[in-house]
C-alpha atoms as a PDB file:
ATOM      1  CA  UNK A   1       0.000   0.000   0.000  1.00  0.00           C
ATOM      2  CA  UNK A   2       1.287   3.484  -0.802  1.00  0.00           C
ATOM      3  CA  UNK A   3       2.050   5.681   2.178  1.00  0.00           C
ATOM      4  CA  UNK A   4       0.351   9.081   2.248  1.00  0.00           C
ATOM      5  CA  UNK A   5       2.762  11.605   3.733  1.00  0.00           C
ATOM      6  CA  UNK A   6       0.275  14.469   3.857  1.00  0.00           C
ATOM      7  CA  UNK A   7       0.485  14.740   7.643  1.00  0.00           C
ATOM      8  CA  UNK A   8       3.399  12.384   8.276  1.00  0.00           C
ATOM      9  CA  UNK A   9       6.343  14.053   6.582  1.00  0.00           C
ATOM     10  CA  UNK A  10       8.430  13.335   9.720  1.00  0.00           C
ATOM     11  CA  UNK A  11       8.681   9.619   8.818  1.00  0.00           C
ATOM     12  CA  UNK A  12      11.628   8.708   6.610  1.00  0.00           C
ATOM     13  CA  UNK A  13      11.702   5.717   4.271  1.00  0.00           C
ATOM     14  CA  UNK A  14      13.315   3.506   6.929  1.00  0.00           C
ATOM     15  CA  UNK A  15      10.578   4.419   9.422  1.00  0.00           C
ATOM     16  CA  UNK A  16       7.854   3.689   6.883  1.00  0.00           C
ATOM     17  CA  UNK A  17       9.449   0.347   6.015  1.00  0.00           C
ATOM     18  CA  UNK A  18       9.641  -0.610   9.701  1.00  0.00           C
ATOM     19  CA  UNK A  19       6.006   0.375  10.221  1.00  0.00           C
ATOM     20  CA  UNK A  20       4.839  -1.566   7.172  1.00  0.00           C
ATOM     21  CA  UNK A  21       6.876  -4.627   8.237  1.00  0.00           C
ATOM     22  CA  UNK A  22       5.209  -4.585  11.663  1.00  0.00           C
ATOM     23  CA  UNK A  23       1.798  -4.209  10.012  1.00  0.00           C
ATOM     24  CA  UNK A  24       2.526  -7.225   7.813  1.00  0.00           C
ATOM     25  CA  UNK A  25       3.775  -9.256  10.780  1.00  0.00           C
ATOM     26  CA  UNK A  26       0.800  -8.426  13.002  1.00  0.00           C
ATOM     27  CA  UNK A  27      -1.850  -8.402  10.273  1.00  0.00           C
ATOM     28  CA  UNK A  28      -3.024  -5.013  11.516  1.00  0.00           C
ATOM     29  CA  UNK A  29      -3.200  -1.418  10.344  1.00  0.00           C
ATOM     30  CA  UNK A  30      -1.062   0.794  12.580  1.00  0.00           C
ATOM     31  CA  UNK A  31      -1.645   4.530  12.821  1.00  0.00           C
ATOM     32  CA  UNK A  32       1.404   6.662  13.545  1.00  0.00           C
ATOM     33  CA  UNK A  33       0.915   9.974  15.316  1.00  0.00           C
ATOM     34  CA  UNK A  34       3.667  12.506  15.912  1.00  0.00           C
ATOM     35  CA  UNK A  35       1.366  14.299  18.332  1.00  0.00           C
ATOM     36  CA  UNK A  36      -1.771  12.557  19.578  1.00  0.00           C
ATOM     37  CA  UNK A  37      -4.758  13.956  17.685  1.00  0.00           C
ATOM     38  CA  UNK A  38      -7.269  16.144  19.446  1.00  0.00           C
ATOM     39  CA  UNK A  39     -10.850  14.938  19.098  1.00  0.00           C
ATOM     40  CA  UNK A  40     -12.993  17.571  17.414  1.00  0.00           C
ATOM     41  CA  UNK A  41     -15.507  19.395  19.539  1.00  0.00           C
ATOM     42  CA  UNK A  42     -18.471  18.943  17.218  1.00  0.00           C
ATOM     43  CA  UNK A  43     -21.723  20.747  17.744  1.00  0.00           C
ATOM     44  CA  UNK A  44     -24.752  18.594  18.443  1.00  0.00           C
ATOM     45  CA  UNK A  45     -25.954  19.159  14.856  1.00  0.00           C
ATOM     46  CA  UNK A  46     -22.607  18.118  13.363  1.00  0.00           C
ATOM     47  CA  UNK A  47     -22.387  15.091  15.659  1.00  0.00           C
ATOM     48  CA  UNK A  48     -25.842  13.996  14.499  1.00  0.00           C
ATOM     49  CA  UNK A  49     -24.752  14.381  10.853  1.00  0.00           C
ATOM     50  CA  UNK A  50     -21.626  12.341  11.538  1.00  0.00           C
ATOM     51  CA  UNK A  51     -23.686   9.614  13.229  1.00  0.00           C
ATOM     52  CA  UNK A  52     -26.165   9.560  10.359  1.00  0.00           C
ATOM     53  CA  UNK A  53     -23.311   9.165   7.882  1.00  0.00           C
ATOM     54  CA  UNK A  54     -21.854   6.344   9.996  1.00  0.00           C
ATOM     55  CA  UNK A  55     -25.178   4.550   9.805  1.00  0.00           C
ATOM     56  CA  UNK A  56     -25.527   5.141   6.068  1.00  0.00           C
ATOM     57  CA  UNK A  57     -21.981   3.947   5.275  1.00  0.00           C
ATOM     58  CA  UNK A  58     -21.849   1.187   7.946  1.00  0.00           C
ATOM     59  CA  UNK A  59     -18.534   2.519   9.287  1.00  0.00           C
ATOM     60  CA  UNK A  60     -17.197   4.239  12.395  1.00  0.00           C
ATOM     61  CA  UNK A  61     -16.070   7.824  11.837  1.00  0.00           C
ATOM     62  CA  UNK A  62     -13.743   9.846  14.059  1.00  0.00           C
ATOM     63  CA  UNK A  63     -13.466  13.630  13.759  1.00  0.00           C
ATOM     64  CA  UNK A  64     -10.157  15.252  14.727  1.00  0.00           C
ATOM     65  CA  UNK A  65      -9.132  18.887  14.843  1.00  0.00           C
ATOM     66  CA  UNK A  66      -7.077  19.831  11.784  1.00  0.00           C
ATOM     67  CA  UNK A  67      -3.278  20.108  11.980  1.00  0.00           C
ATOM     68  CA  UNK A  68      -2.008  23.591  12.537  1.00  0.00           C
ATOM     69  CA  UNK A  69      -5.117  25.210  11.024  1.00  0.00           C
END
């Protein structure tokens, strides 16, 4: 799988390779955070929209504050 460096430009090729090797070994998807993400403080209306979209798409969605804004 290609690695999207949009928010992870601090990982070099060796770091990415190590992460992907551990993913392959464990059979899991591992998320790497330089700084733990801050959960978004959604309004009640936005939370309801997010929950409705979860139901429609049959997925779990997580909203985080954007990096550096």
